[in-house]
PDB file of all heavy atoms in Angstrom:
ATOM      1  N   PRO A   1     -66.105 -61.299 -80.906  1.00  0.00           N
ATOM      2  CA  PRO A   1     -66.453 -62.638 -80.408  1.00  0.00           C
ATOM      3  C   PRO A   1     -66.294 -63.690 -81.498  1.00  0.00           C
ATOM      4  O   PRO A   1     -66.308 -63.379 -82.688  1.00  0.00           O
ATOM      5  CB  PRO A   1     -67.916 -62.475 -79.989  1.00  0.00           C
ATOM      6  CG  PRO A   1     -68.442 -61.387 -80.871  1.00  0.00           C
ATOM      7  CD  PRO A   1     -67.285 -60.450 -81.096  1.00  0.00           C
ATOM      8  N   VAL A   2     -66.153 -64.932 -81.092  1.00  0.00           N
ATOM      9  CA  VAL A   2     -65.985 -66.056 -82.014  1.00  0.00           C
ATOM     10  C   VAL A   2     -67.085 -67.082 -81.743  1.00  0.00           C
ATOM     11  O   VAL A   2     -67.320 -67.465 -80.593  1.00  0.00           O
ATOM     12  CB  VAL A   2     -64.599 -66.716 -81.842  1.00  0.00           C
ATOM     13  CG1 VAL A   2     -64.486 -67.955 -82.716  1.00  0.00           C
ATOM     14  CG2 VAL A   2     -63.495 -65.724 -82.184  1.00  0.00           C
ATOM     15  N   TRP A   3     -67.740 -67.525 -82.813  1.00  0.00           N
ATOM     16  CA  TRP A   3     -68.799 -68.528 -82.693  1.00  0.00           C
ATOM     17  C   TRP A   3     -68.206 -69.930 -82.605  1.00  0.00           C
ATOM     18  O   TRP A   3     -67.181 -70.230 -83.207  1.00  0.00           O
ATOM     19  CB  TRP A   3     -69.736 -68.465 -83.896  1.00  0.00           C
ATOM     20  CG  TRP A   3     -70.677 -67.305 -83.850  1.00  0.00           C
ATOM     21  CD1 TRP A   3     -70.492 -66.065 -84.383  1.00  0.00           C
ATOM     22  CD2 TRP A   3     -71.956 -67.288 -83.225  1.00  0.00           C
ATOM     23  NE1 TRP A   3     -71.578 -65.264 -84.136  1.00  0.00           N
ATOM     24  CE2 TRP A   3     -72.504 -65.991 -83.421  1.00  0.00           C
ATOM     25  CE3 TRP A   3     -72.712 -68.232 -82.514  1.00  0.00           C
ATOM     26  CZ2 TRP A   3     -73.754 -65.619 -82.939  1.00  0.00           C
ATOM     27  CZ3 TRP A   3     -73.960 -67.865 -82.022  1.00  0.00           C
ATOM     28  CH2 TRP A   3     -74.471 -66.575 -82.236  1.00  0.00           C
ATOM     29  N   THR A   4     -68.903 -70.788 -81.879  1.00  0.00           N
ATOM     30  CA  THR A   4     -68.574 -72.211 -81.880  1.00  0.00           C
ATOM     31  C   THR A   4     -69.054 -72.831 -83.185  1.00  0.00           C
ATOM     32  O   THR A   4     -69.904 -72.276 -83.890  1.00  0.00           O
ATOM     33  CB  THR A   4     -69.234 -72.915 -80.703  1.00  0.00           C
ATOM     34  OG1 THR A   4     -70.657 -72.738 -80.789  1.00  0.00           O
ATOM     35  CG2 THR A   4     -68.729 -72.351 -79.383  1.00  0.00           C
ATOM     36  N   ALA A   5     -68.514 -74.002 -83.515  1.00  0.00           N
ATOM     37  CA  ALA A   5     -68.840 -74.644 -84.782  1.00  0.00           C
ATOM     38  C   ALA A   5     -70.316 -74.961 -84.909  1.00  0.00           C
ATOM     39  O   ALA A   5     -70.883 -74.939 -86.005  1.00  0.00           O
ATOM     40  CB  ALA A   5     -68.015 -75.927 -84.941  1.00  0.00           C
ATOM     41  N   GLY A   6     -70.978 -75.253 -83.788  1.00  0.00           N
ATOM     42  CA  GLY A   6     -72.393 -75.600 -83.827  1.00  0.00           C
ATOM     43  C   GLY A   6     -73.343 -74.437 -83.781  1.00  0.00           C
ATOM     44  O   GLY A   6     -74.572 -74.643 -83.695  1.00  0.00           O
ATOM     45  N   SER A   7     -72.836 -73.203 -83.830  1.00  0.00           N
ATOM     46  CA  SER A   7     -73.659 -71.984 -83.790  1.00  0.00           C
ATOM     47  C   SER A   7     -74.498 -71.890 -82.513  1.00  0.00           C
ATOM     48  O   SER A   7     -75.512 -71.196 -82.487  1.00  0.00           O
ATOM     49  CB  SER A   7     -74.600 -71.921 -85.011  1.00  0.00           C
ATOM     50  OG  SER A   7     -73.880 -71.909 -86.212  1.00  0.00           O
ATOM     51  N   ASP A   8     -74.057 -72.572 -81.464  1.00  0.00           N
ATOM     52  CA  ASP A   8     -74.845 -72.579 -80.234  1.00  0.00           C
ATOM     53  C   ASP A   8     -74.199 -71.789 -79.107  1.00  0.00           C
ATOM     54  O   ASP A   8     -74.676 -71.817 -77.965  1.00  0.00           O
ATOM     55  CB  ASP A   8     -75.099 -74.018 -79.771  1.00  0.00           C
ATOM     56  CG  ASP A   8     -73.798 -74.800 -79.578  1.00  0.00           C
ATOM     57  OD1 ASP A   8     -72.724 -74.275 -79.903  1.00  0.00           O
ATOM     58  OD2 ASP A   8     -73.890 -75.950 -79.100  1.00  0.00           O
ATOM     59  N   GLY A   9     -73.119 -71.050 -79.413  1.00  0.00           N
ATOM     60  CA  GLY A   9     -72.486 -70.254 -78.383  1.00  0.00           C
ATOM     61  C   GLY A   9     -71.360 -69.406 -78.944  1.00  0.00           C
ATOM     62  O   GLY A   9     -70.953 -69.568 -80.102  1.00  0.00           O
ATOM     63  N   ILE A  10     -70.861 -68.498 -78.115  1.00  0.00           N
ATOM     64  CA  ILE A  10     -69.746 -67.636 -78.513  1.00  0.00           C
ATOM     65  C   ILE A  10     -68.680 -67.637 -77.428  1.00  0.00           C
ATOM     66  O   ILE A  10     -68.961 -67.839 -76.242  1.00  0.00           O
ATOM     67  CB  ILE A  10     -70.191 -66.184 -78.784  1.00  0.00           C
ATOM     68  CG1 ILE A  10     -70.838 -65.548 -77.538  1.00  0.00           C
ATOM     69  CG2 ILE A  10     -71.131 -66.099 -79.979  1.00  0.00           C
ATOM     70  CD1 ILE A  10     -71.083 -64.062 -77.651  1.00  0.00           C
ATOM     71  N   VAL A  11     -67.453 -67.415 -77.860  1.00  0.00           N
ATOM     72  CA  VAL A  11     -66.335 -67.152 -76.961  1.00  0.00           C
ATOM     73  C   VAL A  11     -66.014 -65.670 -77.086  1.00  0.00           C
ATOM     74  O   VAL A  11     -65.930 -65.131 -78.198  1.00  0.00           O
ATOM     75  CB  VAL A  11     -65.119 -68.022 -77.321  1.00  0.00           C
ATOM     76  CG1 VAL A  11     -63.945 -67.697 -76.405  1.00  0.00           C
ATOM     77  CG2 VAL A  11     -65.477 -69.494 -77.222  1.00  0.00           C
ATOM     78  N   TYR A  12     -65.863 -64.988 -75.948  1.00  0.00           N
ATOM     79  CA  TYR A  12     -65.729 -63.529 -75.974  1.00  0.00           C
ATOM     80  C   TYR A  12     -64.854 -63.067 -74.822  1.00  0.00           C
ATOM     81  O   TYR A  12     -64.523 -63.845 -73.911  1.00  0.00           O
ATOM     82  CB  TYR A  12     -67.120 -62.867 -75.902  1.00  0.00           C
ATOM     83  CG  TYR A  12     -67.857 -63.097 -74.598  1.00  0.00           C
ATOM     84  CD1 TYR A  12     -67.895 -62.113 -73.607  1.00  0.00           C
ATOM     85  CD2 TYR A  12     -68.526 -64.297 -74.342  1.00  0.00           C
ATOM     86  CE1 TYR A  12     -68.573 -62.319 -72.418  1.00  0.00           C
ATOM     87  CE2 TYR A  12     -69.212 -64.516 -73.164  1.00  0.00           C
ATOM     88  CZ  TYR A  12     -69.226 -63.518 -72.192  1.00  0.00           C
ATOM     89  OH  TYR A  12     -69.896 -63.733 -71.003  1.00  0.00           O
ATOM     90  N   THR A  13     -64.465 -61.808 -74.865  1.00  0.00           N
ATOM     91  CA  THR A  13     -63.659 -61.205 -73.798  1.00  0.00           C
ATOM     92  C   THR A  13     -64.366 -59.970 -73.256  1.00  0.00           C
ATOM     93  O   THR A  13     -65.148 -59.321 -73.952  1.00  0.00           O
ATOM     94  CB  THR A  13     -62.263 -60.803 -74.301  1.00  0.00           C
ATOM     95  OG1 THR A  13     -62.400 -59.940 -75.439  1.00  0.00           O
ATOM     96  CG2 THR A  13     -61.445 -62.021 -74.696  1.00  0.00           C
ATOM     97  N   VAL A  14     -64.094 -59.669 -72.005  1.00  0.00           N
ATOM     98  CA  VAL A  14     -64.666 -58.484 -71.352  1.00  0.00           C
ATOM     99  C   VAL A  14     -63.542 -57.711 -70.668  1.00  0.00           C
ATOM    100  O   VAL A  14     -62.478 -58.259 -70.366  1.00  0.00           O
ATOM    101  CB  VAL A  14     -65.746 -58.858 -70.315  1.00  0.00           C
ATOM    102  CG1 VAL A  14     -66.946 -59.506 -70.977  1.00  0.00           C
ATOM    103  CG2 VAL A  14     -65.186 -59.776 -69.231  1.00  0.00           C
ATOM    104  N   VAL A  15     -63.789 -56.417 -70.419  1.00  0.00           N
ATOM    105  CA  VAL A  15     -62.830 -55.607 -69.676  1.00  0.00           C
ATOM    106  C   VAL A  15     -63.177 -55.656 -68.190  1.00  0.00           C
ATOM    107  O   VAL A  15     -64.346 -55.690 -67.812  1.00  0.00           O
ATOM    108  CB  VAL A  15     -62.803 -54.147 -70.183  1.00  0.00           C
ATOM    109  CG1 VAL A  15     -62.273 -54.080 -71.595  1.00  0.00           C
ATOM    110  CG2 VAL A  15     -64.174 -53.504 -70.103  1.00  0.00           C
ATOM    111  N   ASN A  16     -62.141 -55.648 -67.363  1.00  0.00           N
ATOM    112  CA  ASN A  16     -62.371 -55.566 -65.929  1.00  0.00           C
ATOM    113  C   ASN A  16     -62.476 -54.113 -65.499  1.00  0.00           C
ATOM    114  O   ASN A  16     -62.556 -53.198 -66.342  1.00  0.00           O
ATOM    115  CB  ASN A  16     -61.273 -56.319 -65.165  1.00  0.00           C
ATOM    116  CG  ASN A  16     -59.882 -55.745 -65.439  1.00  0.00           C
ATOM    117  OD1 ASN A  16     -59.717 -54.619 -65.909  1.00  0.00           O
ATOM    118  ND2 ASN A  16     -58.860 -56.545 -65.149  1.00  0.00           N
ATOM    119  N   ASP A  17     -62.458 -53.856 -64.207  1.00  0.00           N
ATOM    120  CA  ASP A  17     -62.625 -52.487 -63.718  1.00  0.00           C
ATOM    121  C   ASP A  17     -61.489 -51.580 -64.151  1.00  0.00           C
ATOM    122  O   ASP A  17     -61.635 -50.353 -64.130  1.00  0.00           O
ATOM    123  CB  ASP A  17     -62.743 -52.483 -62.180  1.00  0.00           C
ATOM    124  CG  ASP A  17     -64.031 -53.100 -61.696  1.00  0.00           C
ATOM    125  OD1 ASP A  17     -64.981 -53.190 -62.506  1.00  0.00           O
ATOM    126  OD2 ASP A  17     -64.097 -53.504 -60.521  1.00  0.00           O
ATOM    127  N   ASN A  18     -60.378 -52.156 -64.531  1.00  0.00           N
ATOM    128  CA  ASN A  18     -59.231 -51.371 -64.959  1.00  0.00           C
ATOM    129  C   ASN A  18     -59.065 -51.385 -66.479  1.00  0.00           C
ATOM    130  O   ASN A  18     -57.971 -51.178 -66.990  1.00  0.00           O
ATOM    131  CB  ASN A  18     -57.950 -51.903 -64.294  1.00  0.00           C
ATOM    132  CG  ASN A  18     -56.907 -50.825 -64.129  1.00  0.00           C
ATOM    133  OD1 ASN A  18     -57.237 -49.650 -63.993  1.00  0.00           O
ATOM    134  ND2 ASN A  18     -55.648 -51.210 -64.145  1.00  0.00           N
ATOM    135  N   TRP A  19     -60.179 -51.638 -67.198  1.00  0.00           N
ATOM    136  CA  TRP A  19     -60.199 -51.627 -68.661  1.00  0.00           C
ATOM    137  C   TRP A  19     -59.118 -52.538 -69.235  1.00  0.00           C
ATOM    138  O   TRP A  19     -58.343 -52.174 -70.100  1.00  0.00           O
ATOM    139  CB  TRP A  19     -60.051 -50.205 -69.203  1.00  0.00           C
ATOM    140  CG  TRP A  19     -60.488 -50.083 -70.633  1.00  0.00           C
ATOM    141  CD1 TRP A  19     -61.757 -50.165 -71.125  1.00  0.00           C
ATOM    142  CD2 TRP A  19     -59.654 -49.883 -71.781  1.00  0.00           C
ATOM    143  NE1 TRP A  19     -61.769 -50.030 -72.491  1.00  0.00           N
ATOM    144  CE2 TRP A  19     -60.491 -49.852 -72.923  1.00  0.00           C
ATOM    145  CE3 TRP A  19     -58.288 -49.734 -71.960  1.00  0.00           C
ATOM    146  CZ2 TRP A  19     -60.005 -49.664 -74.202  1.00  0.00           C
ATOM    147  CZ3 TRP A  19     -57.801 -49.546 -73.242  1.00  0.00           C
ATOM    148  CH2 TRP A  19     -58.655 -49.508 -74.349  1.00  0.00           C
ATOM    149  N   ARG A  20     -59.099 -53.765 -68.729  1.00  0.00           N
ATOM    150  CA  ARG A  20     -58.139 -54.751 -69.190  1.00  0.00           C
ATOM    151  C   ARG A  20     -58.888 -56.055 -69.461  1.00  0.00           C
ATOM    152  O   ARG A  20     -59.633 -56.535 -68.605  1.00  0.00           O
ATOM    153  CB  ARG A  20     -57.066 -54.961 -68.130  1.00  0.00           C
ATOM    154  CG  ARG A  20     -56.076 -56.080 -68.420  1.00  0.00           C
ATOM    155  CD  ARG A  20     -54.955 -56.096 -67.375  1.00  0.00           C
ATOM    156  NE  ARG A  20     -54.195 -57.341 -67.444  1.00  0.00           N
ATOM    157  CZ  ARG A  20     -54.294 -58.317 -66.555  1.00  0.00           C
ATOM    158  NH1 ARG A  20     -55.106 -58.191 -65.512  1.00  0.00           N
ATOM    159  NH2 ARG A  20     -53.574 -59.413 -66.683  1.00  0.00           N
ATOM    160  N   THR A  21     -58.720 -56.594 -70.648  1.00  0.00           N
ATOM    161  CA  THR A  21     -59.344 -57.873 -70.956  1.00  0.00           C
ATOM    162  C   THR A  21     -58.461 -58.987 -70.401  1.00  0.00           C
ATOM    163  O   THR A  21     -57.419 -59.314 -70.964  1.00  0.00           O
ATOM    164  CB  THR A  21     -59.530 -58.049 -72.479  1.00  0.00           C
ATOM    165  OG1 THR A  21     -58.282 -57.857 -73.135  1.00  0.00           O
ATOM    166  CG2 THR A  21     -60.536 -57.052 -73.026  1.00  0.00           C
ATOM    167  N   ASP A  22     -58.891 -59.567 -69.296  1.00  0.00           N
ATOM    168  CA  ASP A  22     -58.074 -60.584 -68.639  1.00  0.00           C
ATOM    169  C   ASP A  22     -58.711 -61.963 -68.669  1.00  0.00           C
ATOM    170  O   ASP A  22     -58.147 -62.905 -68.114  1.00  0.00           O
ATOM    171  CB  ASP A  22     -57.777 -60.182 -67.190  1.00  0.00           C
ATOM    172  CG  ASP A  22     -59.033 -59.990 -66.352  1.00  0.00           C
ATOM    173  OD1 ASP A  22     -60.142 -59.996 -66.916  1.00  0.00           O
ATOM    174  OD2 ASP A  22     -58.905 -59.830 -65.120  1.00  0.00           O
ATOM    175  N   LYS A  23     -59.877 -62.095 -69.316  1.00  0.00           N
ATOM    176  CA  LYS A  23     -60.568 -63.385 -69.344  1.00  0.00           C
ATOM    177  C   LYS A  23     -61.165 -63.633 -70.725  1.00  0.00           C
ATOM    178  O   LYS A  23     -61.596 -62.708 -71.414  1.00  0.00           O
ATOM    179  CB  LYS A  23     -61.720 -63.419 -68.332  1.00  0.00           C
ATOM    180  CG  LYS A  23     -61.350 -63.251 -66.872  1.00  0.00           C
ATOM    181  CD  LYS A  23     -62.608 -63.346 -66.013  1.00  0.00           C
ATOM    182  CE  LYS A  23     -62.303 -63.077 -64.550  1.00  0.00           C
ATOM    183  NZ  LYS A  23     -61.981 -61.634 -64.347  1.00  0.00           N
ATOM    184  N   ALA A  24     -61.212 -64.917 -71.097  1.00  0.00           N
ATOM    185  CA  ALA A  24     -62.015 -65.377 -72.221  1.00  0.00           C
ATOM    186  C   ALA A  24     -63.113 -66.268 -71.658  1.00  0.00           C
ATOM    187  O   ALA A  24     -62.841 -67.183 -70.880  1.00  0.00           O
ATOM    188  CB  ALA A  24     -61.165 -66.158 -73.221  1.00  0.00           C
ATOM    189  N   LEU A  25     -64.354 -65.967 -72.025  1.00  0.00           N
ATOM    190  CA  LEU A  25     -65.504 -66.683 -71.488  1.00  0.00           C
ATOM    191  C   LEU A  25     -66.273 -67.368 -72.609  1.00  0.00           C
ATOM    192  O   LEU A  25     -66.197 -66.969 -73.778  1.00  0.00           O
ATOM    193  CB  LEU A  25     -66.446 -65.727 -70.729  1.00  0.00           C
ATOM    194  CG  LEU A  25     -65.847 -64.951 -69.560  1.00  0.00           C
ATOM    195  CD1 LEU A  25     -65.410 -63.565 -70.014  1.00  0.00           C
ATOM    196  CD2 LEU A  25     -66.866 -64.824 -68.430  1.00  0.00           C
ATOM    197  N   TYR A  26     -67.048 -68.356 -72.229  1.00  0.00           N
ATOM    198  CA  TYR A  26     -67.908 -69.061 -73.183  1.00  0.00           C
ATOM    199  C   TYR A  26     -69.356 -68.848 -72.773  1.00  0.00           C
ATOM    200  O   TYR A  26     -69.739 -69.102 -71.623  1.00  0.00           O
ATOM    201  CB  TYR A  26     -67.583 -70.542 -73.204  1.00  0.00           C
ATOM    202  CG  TYR A  26     -68.613 -71.393 -73.926  1.00  0.00           C
ATOM    203  CD1 TYR A  26     -68.911 -71.158 -75.279  1.00  0.00           C
ATOM    204  CD2 TYR A  26     -69.304 -72.404 -73.273  1.00  0.00           C
ATOM    205  CE1 TYR A  26     -69.862 -71.923 -75.940  1.00  0.00           C
ATOM    206  CE2 TYR A  26     -70.250 -73.181 -73.933  1.00  0.00           C
ATOM    207  CZ  TYR A  26     -70.524 -72.935 -75.267  1.00  0.00           C
ATOM    208  OH  TYR A  26     -71.469 -73.677 -75.915  1.00  0.00           O
ATOM    209  N   HIS A  27     -70.165 -68.376 -73.732  1.00  0.00           N
ATOM    210  CA  HIS A  27     -71.603 -68.227 -73.483  1.00  0.00           C
ATOM    211  C   HIS A  27     -72.376 -69.205 -74.364  1.00  0.00           C
ATOM    212  O   HIS A  27     -72.300 -69.122 -75.593  1.00  0.00           O
ATOM    213  CB  HIS A  27     -72.076 -66.800 -73.772  1.00  0.00           C
ATOM    214  CG  HIS A  27     -73.556 -66.651 -73.618  1.00  0.00           C
ATOM    215  ND1 HIS A  27     -74.166 -66.630 -72.384  1.00  0.00           N
ATOM    216  CD2 HIS A  27     -74.563 -66.545 -74.544  1.00  0.00           C
ATOM    217  CE1 HIS A  27     -75.473 -66.507 -72.539  1.00  0.00           C
ATOM    218  NE2 HIS A  27     -75.740 -66.465 -73.834  1.00  0.00           N
ATOM    219  N   LYS A  28     -73.085 -70.111 -73.734  1.00  0.00           N
ATOM    220  CA  LYS A  28     -73.986 -71.003 -74.463  1.00  0.00           C
ATOM    221  C   LYS A  28     -75.334 -70.319 -74.577  1.00  0.00           C
ATOM    222  O   LYS A  28     -75.885 -69.825 -73.585  1.00  0.00           O
ATOM    223  CB  LYS A  28     -74.129 -72.331 -73.733  1.00  0.00           C
ATOM    224  CG  LYS A  28     -74.970 -73.364 -74.499  1.00  0.00           C
ATOM    225  CD  LYS A  28     -74.971 -74.705 -73.807  1.00  0.00           C
ATOM    226  CE  LYS A  28     -75.851 -75.712 -74.541  1.00  0.00           C
ATOM    227  NZ  LYS A  28     -75.409 -75.943 -75.930  1.00  0.00           N
ATOM    228  N   LEU A  29     -75.837 -70.240 -75.795  1.00  0.00           N
ATOM    229  CA  LEU A  29     -77.087 -69.512 -76.023  1.00  0.00           C
ATOM    230  C   LEU A  29     -78.196 -70.041 -75.125  1.00  0.00           C
ATOM    231  O   LEU A  29     -78.342 -71.253 -74.923  1.00  0.00           O
ATOM    232  CB  LEU A  29     -77.501 -69.627 -77.491  1.00  0.00           C
ATOM    233  CG  LEU A  29     -76.527 -69.066 -78.537  1.00  0.00           C
ATOM    234  CD1 LEU A  29     -77.141 -69.137 -79.929  1.00  0.00           C
ATOM    235  CD2 LEU A  29     -76.125 -67.636 -78.210  1.00  0.00           C
TER     236      LEU A  29
END
């Protein structure tokens, strides 16, 4: 995962049902 500059969230990837990372998501703490 990669942190945002303000340390208030991360950008990350997940695997789908077929074990494929097809999305990048943003999680705000």
